[in-house]
Protein backbone atom coordinates (compact mmCIF):
# COMPACT_ATOMS: atom_id res chain seq x y z
CA MET A 1 104.79 151.47 34.67
CA PHE A 2 105.80 154.75 33.11
CA ARG A 3 108.12 154.96 30.14
CA LYS A 4 110.62 157.77 29.64
CA LYS A 5 111.86 158.49 26.15
CA GLY A 6 115.05 156.57 25.41
CA SER A 7 114.79 154.21 28.37
CA PHE A 8 112.46 151.89 30.19
CA VAL A 9 111.93 151.86 33.91
CA LEU A 10 111.81 148.21 34.93
CA ALA A 11 110.56 146.85 38.22
CA SER A 12 109.91 143.39 39.57
CA ILE A 13 107.75 142.15 42.39
CA ILE A 14 109.19 139.69 44.85
CA MET A 15 106.14 137.54 45.24
CA SER A 16 106.85 136.61 48.83
CA VAL A 17 106.51 140.21 49.99
CA SER A 18 103.27 140.48 51.90
CA VAL A 19 100.44 142.97 51.46
CA PHE A 20 101.30 144.18 54.95
CA LEU A 21 104.74 145.33 53.82
CA ALA A 22 103.23 147.04 50.80
CA ALA A 23 100.79 148.86 53.03
CA CYS A 24 103.62 150.04 55.25
CA GLY A 25 105.60 151.44 52.34
CA GLY A 26 107.78 148.38 51.85
CA GLY A 27 108.03 148.93 48.08
CA GLY A 28 109.65 152.36 48.24
CA GLY A 29 112.45 152.15 50.79
CA GLN A 30 112.96 155.14 53.06
CA GLN A 31 112.13 157.86 50.55
CA THR A 32 109.44 160.34 51.51
CA ALA A 33 107.10 161.44 48.75
CA PRO A 34 107.20 165.19 48.21
CA PRO A 35 104.00 167.20 48.26
CA ALA A 36 102.29 167.27 44.87
CA GLY A 37 104.04 169.79 42.68
CA GLN A 38 107.40 169.73 44.49
CA ALA A 39 110.53 167.98 43.33
CA GLY A 40 111.42 164.60 44.73
CA GLY A 41 113.48 161.52 44.02
CA THR A 42 116.83 161.68 42.31
CA GLU A 43 116.02 163.19 38.91
CA ALA A 44 116.42 166.79 37.84
CA SER A 45 113.89 169.33 39.10
CA LYS A 46 112.71 169.99 35.55
CA SER A 47 111.94 167.58 32.75
CA ASP A 48 114.11 169.43 30.19
CA GLY A 49 112.01 168.24 27.30
CA GLN A 50 111.99 164.56 28.18
CA SER A 51 108.90 162.56 27.27
CA TYR A 52 106.85 160.43 29.68
CA VAL A 53 104.09 157.89 29.18
CA PHE A 54 101.99 156.76 32.18
CA LYS A 55 99.46 153.94 32.36
CA ALA A 56 96.27 154.67 34.31
CA GLY A 57 93.83 151.90 35.16
CA HIS A 58 90.37 151.46 36.67
CA SER A 59 87.80 148.69 37.06
CA LEU A 60 84.77 150.10 35.23
CA THR A 61 83.61 150.61 31.65
CA GLU A 62 84.54 153.16 29.01
CA ASP A 63 81.30 155.09 29.51
CA HIS A 64 81.71 155.40 33.29
CA PRO A 65 82.74 158.79 34.76
CA TYR A 66 86.01 157.22 35.95
CA HIS A 67 87.06 156.58 32.37
CA LEU A 68 85.71 159.81 30.94
CA ALA A 69 87.50 161.87 33.59
CA LEU A 70 90.82 160.09 33.08
CA LYS A 71 90.53 160.49 29.31
CA LYS A 72 89.91 164.22 29.70
CA MET A 73 92.87 164.46 32.06
CA ALA A 74 95.01 162.64 29.48
CA GLU A 75 93.93 165.10 26.77
CA ASP A 76 94.62 168.13 28.95
CA VAL A 77 98.01 166.82 30.12
CA ASP A 78 99.01 166.07 26.54
CA LYS A 79 97.98 169.56 25.42
CA ARG A 80 99.68 171.42 28.28
CA SER A 81 102.92 169.47 27.86
CA ASN A 82 102.96 169.78 24.06
CA GLY A 83 102.84 166.02 23.78
CA LYS A 84 105.74 165.38 26.18
CA VAL A 85 103.57 163.80 28.90
CA LYS A 86 100.99 161.21 27.92
CA ILE A 87 98.52 159.10 29.91
CA GLU A 88 97.18 155.83 28.51
CA VAL A 89 93.87 154.82 30.12
CA TYR A 90 92.93 151.16 30.65
CA PRO A 91 89.35 150.33 31.75
CA LEU A 92 87.71 147.08 32.86
CA SER A 93 90.49 145.95 35.23
CA GLN A 94 92.92 145.49 32.35
CA LEU A 95 95.73 146.50 34.71
CA GLY A 96 94.19 144.54 37.60
CA ALA A 97 91.12 144.76 39.82
CA GLU A 98 91.02 147.65 42.29
CA ARG A 99 92.89 145.93 45.11
CA GLU A 100 95.45 144.35 42.79
CA LEU A 101 96.07 147.62 40.98
CA THR A 102 96.46 149.52 44.24
CA GLU A 103 99.05 147.00 45.37
CA ALA A 104 100.90 147.40 42.06
CA LEU A 105 101.01 151.16 42.68
CA THR A 106 102.68 150.60 46.05
CA PHE A 107 105.38 148.53 44.36
CA GLY A 108 105.88 150.94 41.48
CA THR A 109 104.86 148.39 38.87
CA ALA A 110 101.84 150.49 37.86
CA ASP A 111 101.63 154.24 37.57
CA MET A 112 98.17 155.58 38.26
CA SER A 113 94.55 154.67 39.01
CA ILE A 114 91.15 155.97 39.94
CA THR A 115 89.40 153.82 42.52
CA SER A 116 86.87 153.88 45.31
CA THR A 117 88.40 154.10 48.76
CA ALA A 118 87.11 150.73 50.00
CA PRO A 119 89.88 148.54 48.51
CA VAL A 120 92.56 151.11 49.37
CA MET A 121 91.90 150.81 53.10
CA ASN A 122 93.54 147.38 52.91
CA PHE A 123 96.79 149.29 52.43
CA HIS A 124 96.02 152.34 54.55
CA PRO A 125 93.42 151.40 57.21
CA LYS A 126 92.73 154.98 58.35
CA LEU A 127 91.05 155.64 55.02
CA GLY A 128 88.33 153.23 56.11
CA VAL A 129 86.70 155.99 58.16
CA LEU A 130 85.01 157.10 54.92
CA ASP A 131 83.32 153.71 54.58
CA LEU A 132 81.39 153.91 57.83
CA PRO A 133 77.68 153.53 56.97
CA PHE A 134 75.61 156.72 56.86
CA LEU A 135 78.68 158.84 57.61
CA PHE A 136 77.50 161.46 55.10
CA GLU A 137 73.93 162.66 54.74
CA SER A 138 74.52 164.51 51.48
CA ARG A 139 77.06 165.13 48.74
CA GLU A 140 77.46 168.68 50.01
CA GLN A 141 78.60 167.39 53.39
CA ALA A 142 80.97 164.90 51.74
CA TYR A 143 82.54 167.61 49.59
CA LYS A 144 83.06 169.91 52.58
CA VAL A 145 84.87 167.13 54.42
CA LEU A 146 86.95 165.80 51.54
CA ASP A 147 87.88 169.18 50.09
CA GLY A 148 88.64 170.53 53.56
CA GLN A 149 91.41 169.77 56.02
CA VAL A 150 90.21 166.26 56.87
CA GLY A 151 90.20 165.13 53.26
CA GLN A 152 93.51 166.75 52.41
CA ASP A 153 95.16 165.15 55.44
CA LEU A 154 93.83 161.75 54.36
CA LEU A 155 95.35 162.24 50.91
CA LYS A 156 98.70 163.23 52.36
CA ASP A 157 98.67 160.29 54.78
CA LEU A 158 98.62 157.91 51.80
CA GLU A 159 102.36 158.53 51.47
CA ASN A 160 102.72 156.10 54.38
CA ALA A 161 101.24 153.41 52.14
CA ASN A 162 103.58 154.19 49.23
CA LEU A 163 100.80 156.02 47.39
CA VAL A 164 100.34 159.64 46.30
CA GLY A 165 96.77 160.89 46.65
CA LEU A 166 96.29 163.45 43.90
CA ALA A 167 92.58 164.26 44.08
CA TRP A 168 89.14 163.23 45.27
CA ALA A 169 86.45 161.96 42.93
CA GLU A 170 83.40 159.83 43.68
CA ASN A 171 81.48 156.68 42.82
CA GLY A 172 78.23 157.97 44.34
CA PHE A 173 75.89 156.73 47.06
CA ARG A 174 75.58 152.95 47.27
CA HIS A 175 72.21 151.19 47.05
CA ILE A 176 71.07 147.57 47.38
CA THR A 177 69.72 145.51 44.49
CA ASN A 178 68.29 142.01 44.54
CA GLY A 179 65.87 139.89 42.57
CA SER A 180 63.43 138.62 45.15
CA LYS A 181 61.94 141.30 47.40
CA VAL A 182 61.30 144.93 48.21
CA ILE A 183 63.71 146.32 50.80
CA LYS A 184 62.46 149.10 53.07
CA LYS A 185 63.79 148.20 56.52
CA PRO A 186 66.79 146.32 57.98
CA GLU A 187 64.95 143.05 58.54
CA ASP A 188 64.26 142.88 54.80
CA VAL A 189 67.99 142.33 54.26
CA ALA A 190 68.28 139.48 56.76
CA GLY A 191 69.46 136.27 55.15
CA LEU A 192 70.39 137.83 51.79
CA LYS A 193 73.62 136.57 50.26
CA ILE A 194 75.01 139.91 49.13
CA ARG A 195 78.18 140.65 47.22
CA THR A 196 80.28 143.35 48.88
CA GLN A 197 83.64 144.92 48.24
CA GLU A 198 86.68 143.41 49.92
CA ASN A 199 86.30 145.74 52.89
CA PRO A 200 85.92 144.76 56.57
CA ILE A 201 83.63 147.70 57.39
CA HIS A 202 81.19 146.83 54.63
CA LEU A 203 81.23 143.21 55.78
CA ALA A 204 80.52 144.23 59.37
CA ALA A 205 77.71 146.57 58.27
CA PHE A 206 75.81 143.86 56.43
CA GLU A 207 76.48 141.29 59.14
CA ALA A 208 74.83 143.75 61.56
CA LEU A 209 71.73 143.58 59.35
CA GLY A 210 71.70 139.79 59.46
CA ALA A 211 72.74 139.45 55.82
CA LYS A 212 75.36 137.04 54.49
CA PRO A 213 77.95 139.33 52.88
CA THR A 214 80.30 137.76 50.35
CA PRO A 215 83.36 139.85 49.42
CA MET A 216 84.68 139.53 45.89
CA ALA A 217 86.16 141.57 43.06
CA TRP A 218 83.60 143.06 40.69
CA THR A 219 84.86 140.94 37.80
CA GLU A 220 83.82 137.85 39.78
CA ALA A 221 80.60 139.39 41.07
CA LEU A 222 78.91 139.56 37.68
CA THR A 223 79.24 135.82 37.19
CA ALA A 224 78.14 135.17 40.77
CA LEU A 225 74.96 137.21 40.24
CA GLN A 226 74.14 135.52 36.95
CA GLN A 227 74.64 132.03 38.41
CA GLY A 228 72.75 132.79 41.63
CA VAL A 229 75.79 132.29 43.84
CA VAL A 230 74.79 135.55 45.52
CA ASP A 231 71.28 137.05 45.72
CA ALA A 232 72.10 140.73 45.90
CA GLN A 233 74.76 143.39 45.52
CA GLU A 234 75.27 146.99 46.58
CA ASN A 235 76.64 149.72 44.33
CA PRO A 236 75.82 153.16 42.98
CA ALA A 237 72.95 153.23 40.47
CA ILE A 238 75.27 153.95 37.58
CA VAL A 239 76.95 150.57 38.07
CA ALA A 240 73.59 148.79 38.00
CA GLN A 241 72.77 150.55 34.73
CA THR A 242 76.19 150.22 33.10
CA TYR A 243 76.37 146.49 33.71
CA LYS A 244 72.67 145.88 33.00
CA LEU A 245 72.16 144.13 36.30
CA TYR A 246 68.47 143.78 35.45
CA GLU A 247 69.69 141.04 33.10
CA SER A 248 71.42 139.34 36.06
CA LYS A 249 68.26 138.78 38.12
CA GLN A 250 68.54 142.16 39.88
CA THR A 251 65.00 143.48 39.47
CA GLN A 252 64.67 145.41 42.75
CA MET A 253 66.66 148.47 43.85
CA ALA A 254 66.31 150.06 47.28
CA LEU A 255 67.74 153.59 47.47
CA THR A 256 69.37 152.99 50.84
CA GLY A 257 72.33 155.33 50.24
CA HIS A 258 74.06 153.45 53.06
CA VAL A 259 77.58 154.51 52.04
CA TYR A 260 78.86 157.49 50.10
CA SER A 261 81.52 155.90 47.92
CA ALA A 262 84.35 158.40 47.74
CA ALA A 263 86.94 157.77 45.05
CA MET A 264 90.44 159.03 44.53
CA ILE A 265 92.98 159.55 41.80
CA LEU A 266 96.13 157.79 42.95
CA PHE A 267 99.72 157.71 41.76
CA SER A 268 102.52 155.31 42.59
CA LYS A 269 104.88 156.87 45.12
CA PRO A 270 107.96 155.00 43.84
CA VAL A 271 107.23 156.34 40.35
CA TRP A 272 106.29 159.82 41.59
CA ASP A 273 109.54 160.17 43.52
CA LYS A 274 111.51 159.84 40.27
CA LEU A 275 109.59 162.51 38.40
CA PRO A 276 110.84 166.07 37.92
CA ALA A 277 108.96 168.86 39.67
CA ASP A 278 107.28 170.30 36.59
CA VAL A 279 105.79 166.92 35.64
CA GLN A 280 104.59 166.40 39.21
CA GLN A 281 102.96 169.82 39.22
CA LEU A 282 101.27 169.21 35.87
CA LEU A 283 99.84 165.87 37.02
CA ALA A 284 98.71 167.26 40.38
CA GLU A 285 96.90 170.24 38.85
CA GLU A 286 95.17 168.23 36.14
CA ALA A 287 94.17 165.47 38.54
CA LYS A 288 92.27 167.97 40.69
CA LYS A 289 90.44 169.25 37.62
CA ALA A 290 89.67 165.69 36.56
CA GLY A 291 88.30 164.84 40.01
CA GLN A 292 85.90 167.76 39.92
CA TYR A 293 84.84 166.91 36.36
CA GLU A 294 84.22 163.30 37.42
CA ARG A 295 81.96 164.42 40.26
CA GLU A 296 79.88 166.54 37.88
CA LEU A 297 79.56 163.66 35.45
CA MET A 298 78.56 161.28 38.24
CA ILE A 299 75.67 163.46 39.46
CA LYS A 300 74.26 163.81 35.94
CA MET A 301 74.75 160.19 34.93
CA GLU A 302 73.40 158.81 38.21
CA GLU A 303 70.04 160.48 37.63
CA GLU A 304 69.97 159.12 34.09
CA ALA A 305 70.90 155.64 35.34
CA ILE A 306 67.95 155.44 37.75
CA SER A 307 65.57 156.49 34.99
CA THR A 308 67.06 153.92 32.59
CA ILE A 309 66.89 150.92 34.89
CA LYS A 310 63.37 151.89 35.97
CA ALA A 311 62.36 151.87 32.30
CA LYS A 312 63.86 148.38 32.06
CA GLY A 313 61.43 147.13 34.69
CA VAL A 314 63.51 147.47 37.85
CA VAL A 315 61.33 148.42 40.84
CA ILE A 316 62.87 151.46 42.56
CA THR A 317 62.06 151.72 46.28
CA GLU A 318 62.57 155.25 47.56
CA ASP A 319 60.73 155.17 50.90
CA VAL A 320 63.52 153.36 52.77
CA ASP A 321 63.58 153.75 56.55
CA LYS A 322 67.12 155.11 56.69
CA GLN A 323 66.98 155.85 60.40
CA ALA A 324 66.21 152.20 61.10
CA PHE A 325 69.21 151.21 58.96
CA ARG A 326 71.41 153.70 60.85
CA ASP A 327 70.29 152.27 64.17
CA ALA A 328 70.86 148.70 63.02
CA MET A 329 74.37 149.53 61.82
CA LYS A 330 75.40 151.35 64.99
CA PRO A 331 77.53 148.38 66.16
CA VAL A 332 79.84 149.11 63.22
CA TYR A 333 80.67 152.51 64.73
CA ASP A 334 81.23 150.89 68.12
CA LYS A 335 83.60 148.40 66.51
CA PHE A 336 85.63 150.69 64.26
CA SER A 337 85.48 154.24 65.66
CA GLY A 338 88.33 153.51 68.05
CA GLN A 339 90.50 152.48 65.11
CA PHE A 340 90.06 155.86 63.41
CA GLY A 341 89.70 158.01 66.50
CA LYS A 342 86.36 159.19 67.85
CA GLU A 343 87.45 162.81 67.39
CA LEU A 344 87.91 162.29 63.63
CA VAL A 345 84.59 160.50 63.27
CA ASP A 346 82.78 163.23 65.24
CA GLN A 347 84.47 165.95 63.16
CA ILE A 348 83.16 164.37 59.97
CA VAL A 349 79.66 163.65 61.25
CA ASN A 350 79.29 167.18 62.66
CA THR A 351 80.36 168.91 59.44
CA LYS A 352 77.26 170.48 57.93
């Protein structure tokens, strides 16, 4: 939680409160979060020289674009505020795994995070539209959607989940790794015990392929891969390289690109509501810069990651029959499109 010079903002979680209440804004009463950069809450509209320290967490390593982008944001915020606003960055789930940290944001017991959208949809289901398989054919299409009206509306809608969506970032296109076989077509995935994120759309997508998806936090997944509890996993290439999955029996990578993993820089709405307007504006502006910087880092580091793991002996399969995968995963659209609205899904798919 953030600290203001001369005082500490304390909060407690009533453990019996359900995730459902958190998702509906139960942690922040009836306050409405102001648009980024506008005053809200009960404090003065300007900081008047007060000092603030915010804790920002994420689930990946210190050399991942998530961390590098947050560190750059922290440096820029510190410089622009003449040291009055500071951000402390905590990698490797030190403040909680993605879902746990997101829940803490809704309660106001954590300040800030950068996370993929998949765990966040547990608190704001509409966000799950971005996790539909093969929704985006390219990064360019994804950027047009997320930086356009659809993406900005999705960020604003997060207020209903007691979250403030500051900016879009990314975790890249997701690919499948395993240690037993080459994957080129849907039937090659049948029967694989594959670790997935805690996301109902991802589960449904792999069930449609005949796989045996097993949802778990990434901190648990590494052990599960090493011990053979699961056979496979799916993640962007940079994750496979960062965590040296080739040392965890993952010697095959199929470049399926089945999901574009959008990410977002989030802030706690209960904390945001108490901040003066100039601090809000500073954070909002620098978060957008950090999101763009993170995207640029991801593109560069993803290419390097594929080269690195290939050099380590991982077999990279590029000639994947993506149309066959799309066809096999069509039942996922039939199941979930109604939840998000066919018009929204069509608007995204038809953006070129």
